[in-house]
Amino acid sequence: METTEIIKALPTLSIDERLSIATIALNSIEAQKQVMTDRQVEQQLRVAANLAIDDYTHDPDLTIFTNLDGEDFLE
């Protein structure tokens, strides 16, 4: 059904039917908005993780303990 057909049909529906349609439409918009927000957060976390990888492999302050790699932990 096209948008214009839906708009033309609305006045022929009861108030309860129109409220039901409005509720369903608003809920679907809210759900879509939440999905987009979750995707944006996931993308930002991915970017931050990639930046952290570079820091944790090249920053001497963060890699100082790698000098101990291969040594026994308890002696």
N, C-alpha and C. Protein backbone atom coordinates (compact mmCIF):
# COMPACT_ATOMS: atom_id res chain seq x y z
N MET A 1 0.85 -1.17 0.00
CA MET A 1 0.00 0.00 0.00
C MET A 1 0.89 1.24 0.00
N GLU A 2 0.58 2.18 -0.84
CA GLU A 2 1.35 3.42 -0.93
C GLU A 2 0.97 4.39 0.19
N THR A 3 1.85 5.32 0.48
CA THR A 3 1.62 6.30 1.53
C THR A 3 0.35 7.10 1.27
N THR A 4 0.16 7.52 0.02
CA THR A 4 -1.03 8.32 -0.29
C THR A 4 -2.31 7.52 -0.07
N GLU A 5 -2.28 6.23 -0.35
CA GLU A 5 -3.45 5.38 -0.11
C GLU A 5 -3.74 5.26 1.38
N ILE A 6 -2.70 5.15 2.16
CA ILE A 6 -2.87 5.05 3.62
C ILE A 6 -3.48 6.35 4.15
N ILE A 7 -2.96 7.48 3.70
CA ILE A 7 -3.46 8.78 4.16
C ILE A 7 -4.92 8.96 3.78
N LYS A 8 -5.29 8.55 2.58
CA LYS A 8 -6.69 8.65 2.13
C LYS A 8 -7.60 7.73 2.94
N ALA A 9 -7.09 6.58 3.37
CA ALA A 9 -7.90 5.61 4.09
C ALA A 9 -8.09 5.99 5.56
N LEU A 10 -7.19 6.77 6.12
CA LEU A 10 -7.26 7.11 7.54
C LEU A 10 -8.60 7.70 7.98
N PRO A 11 -9.15 8.67 7.26
CA PRO A 11 -10.42 9.24 7.73
C PRO A 11 -11.59 8.24 7.75
N THR A 12 -11.48 7.17 7.01
CA THR A 12 -12.56 6.18 6.99
C THR A 12 -12.48 5.20 8.16
N LEU A 13 -11.38 5.23 8.89
CA LEU A 13 -11.19 4.32 10.01
C LEU A 13 -11.73 4.92 11.30
N SER A 14 -12.00 4.06 12.25
CA SER A 14 -12.45 4.53 13.56
C SER A 14 -11.27 5.15 14.31
N ILE A 15 -11.60 5.88 15.36
CA ILE A 15 -10.55 6.49 16.18
C ILE A 15 -9.64 5.42 16.77
N ASP A 16 -10.21 4.33 17.24
CA ASP A 16 -9.40 3.25 17.80
C ASP A 16 -8.44 2.67 16.76
N GLU A 17 -8.93 2.49 15.54
CA GLU A 17 -8.08 1.95 14.48
C GLU A 17 -6.94 2.92 14.15
N ARG A 18 -7.28 4.20 14.09
CA ARG A 18 -6.24 5.20 13.78
C ARG A 18 -5.21 5.30 14.91
N LEU A 19 -5.68 5.23 16.15
CA LEU A 19 -4.74 5.25 17.27
C LEU A 19 -3.85 4.01 17.28
N SER A 20 -4.43 2.89 16.92
CA SER A 20 -3.65 1.67 16.84
C SER A 20 -2.56 1.78 15.77
N ILE A 21 -2.93 2.32 14.62
CA ILE A 21 -1.95 2.51 13.53
C ILE A 21 -0.86 3.49 13.96
N ALA A 22 -1.25 4.59 14.62
CA ALA A 22 -0.28 5.58 15.08
C ALA A 22 0.68 4.96 16.09
N THR A 23 0.15 4.16 17.00
CA THR A 23 0.99 3.51 18.00
C THR A 23 1.98 2.56 17.36
N ILE A 24 1.51 1.76 16.42
CA ILE A 24 2.40 0.82 15.72
C ILE A 24 3.47 1.58 14.95
N ALA A 25 3.09 2.67 14.28
CA ALA A 25 4.05 3.46 13.51
C ALA A 25 5.11 4.08 14.43
N LEU A 26 4.67 4.65 15.55
CA LEU A 26 5.63 5.25 16.48
C LEU A 26 6.56 4.21 17.09
N ASN A 27 6.02 3.06 17.43
CA ASN A 27 6.87 1.99 17.99
C ASN A 27 7.90 1.52 16.97
N SER A 28 7.51 1.43 15.71
CA SER A 28 8.47 0.98 14.70
C SER A 28 9.55 2.03 14.46
N ILE A 29 9.18 3.30 14.56
CA ILE A 29 10.17 4.38 14.42
C ILE A 29 11.15 4.33 15.59
N GLU A 30 10.62 4.16 16.78
CA GLU A 30 11.48 4.10 17.98
C GLU A 30 12.44 2.91 17.89
N ALA A 31 11.92 1.76 17.43
CA ALA A 31 12.77 0.57 17.29
C ALA A 31 13.86 0.81 16.26
N GLN A 32 13.51 1.44 15.15
CA GLN A 32 14.48 1.74 14.10
C GLN A 32 15.54 2.70 14.61
N LYS A 33 15.11 3.69 15.37
CA LYS A 33 16.04 4.67 15.93
C LYS A 33 17.03 3.98 16.88
N GLN A 34 16.54 3.04 17.68
CA GLN A 34 17.40 2.32 18.62
C GLN A 34 18.42 1.47 17.87
N VAL A 35 17.99 0.82 16.78
CA VAL A 35 18.91 0.00 15.98
C VAL A 35 20.01 0.87 15.41
N MET A 36 19.65 2.04 14.89
CA MET A 36 20.66 2.93 14.33
C MET A 36 21.63 3.38 15.41
N THR A 37 21.11 3.68 16.59
CA THR A 37 21.96 4.11 17.69
C THR A 37 22.92 2.99 18.09
N ASP A 38 22.42 1.75 18.19
CA ASP A 38 23.28 0.62 18.53
C ASP A 38 24.37 0.43 17.48
N ARG A 39 24.02 0.58 16.22
CA ARG A 39 25.02 0.45 15.15
C ARG A 39 26.08 1.53 15.26
N GLN A 40 25.66 2.75 15.56
CA GLN A 40 26.61 3.84 15.69
C GLN A 40 27.55 3.60 16.86
N VAL A 41 27.02 3.13 17.97
CA VAL A 41 27.86 2.84 19.15
C VAL A 41 28.84 1.73 18.81
N GLU A 42 28.35 0.68 18.14
CA GLU A 42 29.23 -0.42 17.76
C GLU A 42 30.35 0.06 16.84
N GLN A 43 30.02 0.94 15.91
CA GLN A 43 31.03 1.46 14.99
C GLN A 43 32.06 2.30 15.76
N GLN A 44 31.60 3.12 16.70
CA GLN A 44 32.53 3.94 17.47
C GLN A 44 33.44 3.08 18.34
N LEU A 45 32.88 2.02 18.91
CA LEU A 45 33.70 1.11 19.71
C LEU A 45 34.75 0.41 18.85
N ARG A 46 34.38 0.05 17.65
CA ARG A 46 35.32 -0.60 16.73
C ARG A 46 36.48 0.34 16.41
N VAL A 47 36.16 1.61 16.14
CA VAL A 47 37.20 2.60 15.84
C VAL A 47 38.11 2.79 17.06
N ALA A 48 37.51 2.91 18.24
CA ALA A 48 38.30 3.09 19.46
C ALA A 48 39.20 1.90 19.72
N ALA A 49 38.70 0.69 19.48
CA ALA A 49 39.52 -0.51 19.70
C ALA A 49 40.70 -0.52 18.74
N ASN A 50 40.47 -0.14 17.49
CA ASN A 50 41.58 -0.11 16.53
C ASN A 50 42.63 0.92 16.92
N LEU A 51 42.19 2.06 17.44
CA LEU A 51 43.14 3.07 17.90
C LEU A 51 43.91 2.57 19.12
N ALA A 52 43.25 1.86 20.00
CA ALA A 52 43.91 1.33 21.20
C ALA A 52 44.95 0.28 20.83
N ILE A 53 44.66 -0.51 19.82
CA ILE A 53 45.63 -1.52 19.38
C ILE A 53 46.94 -0.85 19.00
N ASP A 54 46.85 0.24 18.27
CA ASP A 54 48.06 0.95 17.87
C ASP A 54 48.80 1.48 19.10
N ASP A 55 48.06 2.05 20.05
CA ASP A 55 48.70 2.55 21.27
C ASP A 55 49.37 1.43 22.04
N TYR A 56 48.68 0.34 22.22
CA TYR A 56 49.20 -0.75 23.04
C TYR A 56 50.31 -1.56 22.36
N THR A 57 50.56 -1.30 21.09
CA THR A 57 51.67 -1.99 20.43
C THR A 57 52.88 -1.08 20.20
N HIS A 58 52.68 0.24 20.29
CA HIS A 58 53.79 1.14 19.98
C HIS A 58 54.15 2.14 21.09
N ASP A 59 53.27 2.40 22.02
CA ASP A 59 53.54 3.37 23.09
C ASP A 59 54.43 2.73 24.15
N PRO A 60 55.65 3.24 24.34
CA PRO A 60 56.59 2.64 25.30
C PRO A 60 56.03 2.57 26.72
N ASP A 61 55.22 3.52 27.12
CA ASP A 61 54.64 3.48 28.47
C ASP A 61 53.67 2.31 28.62
N LEU A 62 53.08 1.89 27.53
CA LEU A 62 52.10 0.79 27.60
C LEU A 62 52.71 -0.56 27.25
N THR A 63 53.87 -0.55 26.62
CA THR A 63 54.49 -1.82 26.21
C THR A 63 55.68 -2.21 27.07
N ILE A 64 55.94 -1.44 28.11
CA ILE A 64 57.14 -1.68 28.93
C ILE A 64 57.19 -3.10 29.50
N PHE A 65 56.05 -3.65 29.88
CA PHE A 65 56.05 -4.98 30.48
C PHE A 65 56.20 -6.11 29.46
N THR A 66 56.16 -5.78 28.17
CA THR A 66 56.40 -6.83 27.18
C THR A 66 57.85 -7.29 27.22
N ASN A 67 58.71 -6.51 27.86
CA ASN A 67 60.11 -6.94 28.04
C ASN A 67 60.17 -8.21 28.87
N LEU A 68 59.14 -8.44 29.66
CA LEU A 68 59.10 -9.61 30.53
C LEU A 68 58.44 -10.81 29.85
N ASP A 69 57.96 -10.63 28.64
CA ASP A 69 57.32 -11.76 27.92
C ASP A 69 58.30 -12.91 27.81
N GLY A 70 57.81 -14.08 28.07
CA GLY A 70 58.63 -15.27 27.97
C GLY A 70 59.30 -15.66 29.27
N GLU A 71 59.32 -14.76 30.25
CA GLU A 71 59.90 -15.09 31.55
C GLU A 71 58.86 -15.76 32.41
N ASP A 72 59.33 -16.62 33.30
CA ASP A 72 58.42 -17.29 34.23
C ASP A 72 57.79 -16.26 35.16
N PHE A 73 56.52 -16.42 35.40
CA PHE A 73 55.80 -15.50 36.27
C PHE A 73 56.19 -15.70 37.73
N LEU A 74 56.25 -16.94 38.13
CA LEU A 74 56.63 -17.24 39.51
C LEU A 74 57.99 -17.89 39.53
N GLU A 75 58.87 -17.33 40.31
CA GLU A 75 60.21 -17.93 40.44
C GLU A 75 60.55 -18.12 41.87
